[in-house]
Protein backbone atom coordinates (compact mmCIF):
# COMPACT_ATOMS: atom_id res chain seq x y z
CA UNK A 1 48.22 25.03 -41.91
CA UNK A 2 46.95 27.73 -39.78
CA UNK A 3 48.80 29.83 -37.38
CA UNK A 4 47.58 28.62 -34.42
CA UNK A 5 47.99 25.04 -34.96
CA UNK A 6 52.01 25.57 -36.70
CA UNK A 7 52.21 27.01 -32.82
CA UNK A 8 50.77 24.09 -31.28
CA UNK A 9 51.79 21.51 -33.77
CA UNK A 10 55.58 22.82 -35.07
CA UNK A 11 56.95 20.38 -36.12
CA UNK A 12 53.35 19.77 -39.13
CA UNK A 13 53.71 23.09 -39.92
CA UNK A 14 55.81 22.34 -43.36
CA UNK A 15 52.70 20.87 -44.43
CA UNK A 16 49.28 22.24 -45.47
CA UNK A 17 45.83 21.81 -46.34
CA UNK A 18 43.74 18.04 -44.94
CA UNK A 19 47.25 16.20 -44.10
CA UNK A 20 48.31 18.50 -41.68
CA UNK A 21 45.50 18.66 -40.03
CA UNK A 22 45.40 14.68 -39.80
CA UNK A 23 48.84 14.53 -38.85
CA UNK A 24 48.26 16.93 -36.33
CA UNK A 25 45.14 15.03 -35.01
CA UNK A 26 47.07 11.42 -35.10
CA UNK A 27 50.35 13.12 -33.44
CA UNK A 28 47.73 14.70 -30.88
CA UNK A 29 46.05 11.78 -29.90
CA UNK A 30 49.41 10.06 -29.25
CA UNK A 31 50.12 12.32 -26.73
CA UNK A 32 47.16 11.93 -25.17
CA UNK A 33 47.10 8.20 -25.10
CA UNK A 34 51.75 8.07 -23.90
CA UNK A 35 50.09 10.84 -21.04
CA UNK A 36 46.39 8.41 -19.88
CA UNK A 37 48.79 5.71 -19.75
CA UNK A 38 51.48 7.07 -17.64
CA UNK A 39 48.39 8.50 -15.15
CA UNK A 40 46.82 5.32 -15.74
CA UNK A 41 43.47 6.72 -16.82
CA UNK A 42 41.35 4.32 -18.52
CA UNK A 43 38.28 6.69 -18.93
CA UNK A 44 40.55 9.02 -21.59
CA UNK A 45 42.13 5.36 -22.55
CA UNK A 46 38.71 4.04 -23.37
CA UNK A 47 37.46 6.63 -25.03
CA UNK A 48 40.75 7.38 -27.63
CA UNK A 49 40.15 3.65 -28.58
CA UNK A 50 36.34 5.00 -29.37
CA UNK A 51 37.55 7.46 -31.38
CA UNK A 52 40.19 5.01 -32.81
CA UNK A 53 37.92 2.78 -34.09
CA UNK A 54 35.56 5.50 -35.14
CA UNK A 55 38.78 6.13 -37.57
CA UNK A 56 39.43 2.51 -38.71
CA UNK A 57 35.46 1.78 -39.43
CA UNK A 58 35.62 5.19 -41.67
CA UNK A 59 38.75 4.69 -43.48
CA UNK A 60 37.03 0.80 -44.79
CA UNK A 61 34.21 2.66 -46.23
């Protein structure tokens, strides 16, 4: 994992490569979803749902 990414996501610093990036992205999305839910920000929640649907579609392909 790059230095800047390790600073932003220290819990993922031990991992390397694509797995670390994907794990950090999942973690960031989960944090954004929690914050948007707390703030009732439907625009952010809709965008996160769209991203999740795209990810699910890509994993099925």
